[in-house]
Amino acid sequence: MPPTLILVAAVVVVVVVCAAAAMRNRAAFEERFPPISDAEFLACYRPGTSPEVALKVRRIVAEQLAVEYERVYPSTRFIEDLGAD
């Protein structure tokens, strides 16, 4: 078997394995963080928290990290849950 063909086969295997891992990670994230409404999101905060600021931060996090808005929780961790590093 030519070395080029072996290299191509190895690259294909790596891509398939990485895609499968990404799908598993996405499924785990979606299971851990089901969509919640703004009211449910705000209910997690202490009294006195500005709802406008909390929702604006939620929107910015969702936009910048390409996460569904409804899946951003107050307890969401940037690195561990959203993969921001």
N, C-alpha and C. Protein backbone atom coordinates (compact mmCIF):
# COMPACT_ATOMS: atom_id res chain seq x y z
N MET A 1 0.85 -1.17 0.00
CA MET A 1 0.00 0.00 0.00
C MET A 1 0.90 1.24 0.00
N PRO A 2 0.64 2.19 -0.88
CA PRO A 2 1.49 3.40 -0.95
C PRO A 2 1.36 4.23 0.34
N PRO A 3 2.46 4.88 0.73
CA PRO A 3 2.45 5.69 1.95
C PRO A 3 1.38 6.80 1.93
N THR A 4 1.13 7.36 0.76
CA THR A 4 0.12 8.43 0.65
C THR A 4 -1.26 7.90 1.01
N LEU A 5 -1.57 6.71 0.55
CA LEU A 5 -2.87 6.11 0.84
C LEU A 5 -3.01 5.81 2.32
N ILE A 6 -1.95 5.37 2.95
CA ILE A 6 -1.96 5.10 4.39
C ILE A 6 -2.20 6.41 5.15
N LEU A 7 -1.54 7.46 4.74
CA LEU A 7 -1.71 8.76 5.39
C LEU A 7 -3.14 9.26 5.25
N VAL A 8 -3.72 9.14 4.08
CA VAL A 8 -5.10 9.56 3.85
C VAL A 8 -6.05 8.74 4.72
N ALA A 9 -5.84 7.45 4.80
CA ALA A 9 -6.69 6.59 5.63
C ALA A 9 -6.58 6.98 7.10
N ALA A 10 -5.38 7.30 7.56
CA ALA A 10 -5.19 7.71 8.96
C ALA A 10 -5.91 9.02 9.24
N VAL A 11 -5.83 9.95 8.31
CA VAL A 11 -6.52 11.24 8.48
C VAL A 11 -8.03 11.03 8.54
N VAL A 12 -8.56 10.18 7.69
CA VAL A 12 -9.99 9.90 7.69
C VAL A 12 -10.42 9.29 9.03
N VAL A 13 -9.65 8.38 9.55
CA VAL A 13 -9.97 7.76 10.84
C VAL A 13 -9.97 8.81 11.95
N VAL A 14 -8.99 9.68 11.97
CA VAL A 14 -8.91 10.73 12.99
C VAL A 14 -10.12 11.66 12.89
N VAL A 15 -10.50 12.05 11.70
CA VAL A 15 -11.65 12.94 11.51
C VAL A 15 -12.92 12.27 12.00
N VAL A 16 -13.11 11.01 11.69
CA VAL A 16 -14.32 10.30 12.12
C VAL A 16 -14.36 10.18 13.65
N VAL A 17 -13.24 9.87 14.27
CA VAL A 17 -13.18 9.74 15.73
C VAL A 17 -13.47 11.10 16.38
N CYS A 18 -12.89 12.16 15.86
CA CYS A 18 -13.13 13.50 16.42
C CYS A 18 -14.59 13.92 16.25
N ALA A 19 -15.18 13.62 15.12
CA ALA A 19 -16.59 13.96 14.89
C ALA A 19 -17.49 13.20 15.85
N ALA A 20 -17.20 11.94 16.09
CA ALA A 20 -18.00 11.15 17.03
C ALA A 20 -17.87 11.70 18.44
N ALA A 21 -16.68 12.11 18.84
CA ALA A 21 -16.48 12.68 20.18
C ALA A 21 -17.23 14.00 20.31
N ALA A 22 -17.20 14.81 19.27
CA ALA A 22 -17.91 16.09 19.30
C ALA A 22 -19.41 15.87 19.42
N MET A 23 -19.94 14.89 18.74
CA MET A 23 -21.37 14.59 18.82
C MET A 23 -21.75 14.12 20.22
N ARG A 24 -20.91 13.29 20.84
CA ARG A 24 -21.16 12.84 22.21
C ARG A 24 -21.13 14.01 23.19
N ASN A 25 -20.14 14.89 23.02
CA ASN A 25 -20.03 16.05 23.91
C ASN A 25 -21.24 16.96 23.76
N ARG A 26 -21.69 17.17 22.53
CA ARG A 26 -22.85 18.04 22.28
C ARG A 26 -24.10 17.43 22.91
N ALA A 27 -24.27 16.12 22.76
CA ALA A 27 -25.44 15.45 23.33
C ALA A 27 -25.42 15.55 24.86
N ALA A 28 -24.25 15.39 25.46
CA ALA A 28 -24.14 15.49 26.92
C ALA A 28 -24.45 16.91 27.38
N PHE A 29 -23.97 17.91 26.63
CA PHE A 29 -24.25 19.30 26.97
C PHE A 29 -25.75 19.58 26.89
N GLU A 30 -26.40 19.13 25.82
CA GLU A 30 -27.83 19.37 25.65
C GLU A 30 -28.66 18.67 26.73
N GLU A 31 -28.19 17.51 27.19
CA GLU A 31 -28.90 16.80 28.25
C GLU A 31 -28.72 17.52 29.59
N ARG A 32 -27.53 18.01 29.83
CA ARG A 32 -27.24 18.70 31.10
C ARG A 32 -27.89 20.07 31.17
N PHE A 33 -28.03 20.74 30.04
CA PHE A 33 -28.58 22.09 30.01
C PHE A 33 -29.78 22.17 29.07
N PRO A 34 -30.93 21.65 29.51
CA PRO A 34 -32.13 21.79 28.67
C PRO A 34 -32.53 23.26 28.60
N PRO A 35 -33.23 23.66 27.57
CA PRO A 35 -33.61 25.08 27.42
C PRO A 35 -34.42 25.57 28.62
N ILE A 36 -34.11 26.80 29.08
CA ILE A 36 -34.89 27.43 30.14
C ILE A 36 -35.30 28.83 29.68
N SER A 37 -36.40 29.30 30.22
CA SER A 37 -36.91 30.62 29.87
C SER A 37 -36.13 31.70 30.63
N ASP A 38 -36.37 32.95 30.25
CA ASP A 38 -35.75 34.06 30.96
C ASP A 38 -36.20 34.08 32.42
N ALA A 39 -37.48 33.78 32.67
CA ALA A 39 -38.00 33.78 34.04
C ALA A 39 -37.29 32.72 34.88
N GLU A 40 -37.09 31.53 34.33
CA GLU A 40 -36.38 30.47 35.06
C GLU A 40 -34.92 30.87 35.29
N PHE A 41 -34.32 31.50 34.29
CA PHE A 41 -32.94 31.96 34.40
C PHE A 41 -32.81 32.97 35.53
N LEU A 42 -33.70 33.95 35.56
CA LEU A 42 -33.64 35.00 36.58
C LEU A 42 -33.97 34.47 37.97
N ALA A 43 -34.78 33.42 38.05
CA ALA A 43 -35.14 32.85 39.35
C ALA A 43 -33.93 32.25 40.06
N CYS A 44 -32.87 31.96 39.32
CA CYS A 44 -31.65 31.38 39.91
C CYS A 44 -30.78 32.43 40.60
N TYR A 45 -31.05 33.71 40.36
CA TYR A 45 -30.24 34.78 40.93
C TYR A 45 -30.78 35.24 42.27
N ARG A 46 -29.91 35.88 43.04
CA ARG A 46 -30.29 36.44 44.33
C ARG A 46 -31.16 37.69 44.10
N PRO A 47 -32.01 37.99 45.07
CA PRO A 47 -32.77 39.24 44.98
C PRO A 47 -31.82 40.43 44.89
N GLY A 48 -32.19 41.40 44.12
CA GLY A 48 -31.35 42.58 43.94
C GLY A 48 -30.52 42.54 42.67
N THR A 49 -30.44 41.38 42.03
CA THR A 49 -29.70 41.28 40.77
C THR A 49 -30.50 42.00 39.69
N SER A 50 -29.84 42.80 38.90
CA SER A 50 -30.51 43.52 37.83
C SER A 50 -30.90 42.55 36.71
N PRO A 51 -32.20 42.37 36.46
CA PRO A 51 -32.62 41.46 35.39
C PRO A 51 -32.09 41.87 34.02
N GLU A 52 -32.04 43.18 33.78
CA GLU A 52 -31.57 43.66 32.48
C GLU A 52 -30.11 43.27 32.25
N VAL A 53 -29.29 43.45 33.27
CA VAL A 53 -27.87 43.12 33.16
C VAL A 53 -27.68 41.61 33.01
N ALA A 54 -28.39 40.83 33.82
CA ALA A 54 -28.26 39.37 33.76
C ALA A 54 -28.65 38.84 32.38
N LEU A 55 -29.73 39.33 31.82
CA LEU A 55 -30.18 38.86 30.51
C LEU A 55 -29.25 39.34 29.39
N LYS A 56 -28.68 40.53 29.56
CA LYS A 56 -27.74 41.03 28.56
C LYS A 56 -26.47 40.18 28.56
N VAL A 57 -25.99 39.83 29.75
CA VAL A 57 -24.81 38.96 29.84
C VAL A 57 -25.13 37.60 29.22
N ARG A 58 -26.31 37.07 29.49
CA ARG A 58 -26.73 35.78 28.91
C ARG A 58 -26.70 35.85 27.38
N ARG A 59 -27.24 36.94 26.84
CA ARG A 59 -27.27 37.11 25.38
C ARG A 59 -25.86 37.19 24.81
N ILE A 60 -25.00 37.95 25.45
CA ILE A 60 -23.62 38.11 24.97
C ILE A 60 -22.88 36.78 25.00
N VAL A 61 -23.02 36.04 26.09
CA VAL A 61 -22.36 34.73 26.20
C VAL A 61 -22.85 33.81 25.08
N ALA A 62 -24.16 33.77 24.85
CA ALA A 62 -24.71 32.91 23.81
C ALA A 62 -24.17 33.29 22.43
N GLU A 63 -24.12 34.58 22.15
CA GLU A 63 -23.64 35.03 20.84
C GLU A 63 -22.16 34.75 20.65
N GLN A 64 -21.36 35.12 21.64
CA GLN A 64 -19.91 35.01 21.50
C GLN A 64 -19.40 33.57 21.50
N LEU A 65 -20.11 32.69 22.21
CA LEU A 65 -19.64 31.30 22.30
C LEU A 65 -20.49 30.35 21.46
N ALA A 66 -21.36 30.90 20.62
CA ALA A 66 -22.17 30.11 19.69
C ALA A 66 -22.96 29.01 20.40
N VAL A 67 -23.66 29.41 21.45
CA VAL A 67 -24.50 28.49 22.23
C VAL A 67 -25.93 29.00 22.13
N GLU A 68 -26.88 28.07 22.11
CA GLU A 68 -28.27 28.48 22.10
C GLU A 68 -28.56 29.31 23.34
N TYR A 69 -29.22 30.44 23.15
CA TYR A 69 -29.53 31.38 24.23
C TYR A 69 -30.22 30.67 25.39
N GLU A 70 -31.19 29.82 25.10
CA GLU A 70 -31.98 29.15 26.14
C GLU A 70 -31.17 28.13 26.93
N ARG A 71 -29.99 27.77 26.47
CA ARG A 71 -29.17 26.78 27.16
C ARG A 71 -28.07 27.41 28.02
N VAL A 72 -28.04 28.74 28.08
CA VAL A 72 -27.09 29.42 28.94
C VAL A 72 -27.73 29.58 30.31
N TYR A 73 -27.12 28.97 31.32
CA TYR A 73 -27.61 28.99 32.70
C TYR A 73 -26.70 29.90 33.53
N PRO A 74 -27.19 30.38 34.66
CA PRO A 74 -26.30 31.13 35.56
C PRO A 74 -25.13 30.27 36.05
N SER A 75 -25.32 28.98 36.13
CA SER A 75 -24.28 28.07 36.63
C SER A 75 -23.36 27.55 35.53
N THR A 76 -23.59 27.93 34.28
CA THR A 76 -22.77 27.45 33.18
C THR A 76 -21.33 27.94 33.35
N ARG A 77 -20.38 27.02 33.22
CA ARG A 77 -18.97 27.35 33.34
C ARG A 77 -18.38 27.56 31.94
N PHE A 78 -17.62 28.61 31.77
CA PHE A 78 -17.10 28.95 30.44
C PHE A 78 -16.23 27.86 29.85
N ILE A 79 -15.26 27.40 30.58
CA ILE A 79 -14.29 26.44 30.04
C ILE A 79 -14.87 25.03 30.03
N GLU A 80 -15.35 24.56 31.17
CA GLU A 80 -15.81 23.18 31.29
C GLU A 80 -17.07 22.89 30.47
N ASP A 81 -18.04 23.80 30.49
CA ASP A 81 -19.31 23.54 29.82
C ASP A 81 -19.38 24.06 28.39
N LEU A 82 -18.78 25.23 28.17
CA LEU A 82 -18.90 25.87 26.86
C LEU A 82 -17.66 25.75 26.00
N GLY A 83 -16.60 25.21 26.54
CA GLY A 83 -15.39 24.99 25.76
C GLY A 83 -14.63 26.26 25.39
N ALA A 84 -14.84 27.32 26.14
CA ALA A 84 -14.12 28.58 25.87
C ALA A 84 -12.77 28.55 26.57
N ASP A 85 -11.71 28.55 25.78
CA ASP A 85 -10.39 28.58 26.40
C ASP A 85 -9.42 29.40 25.64
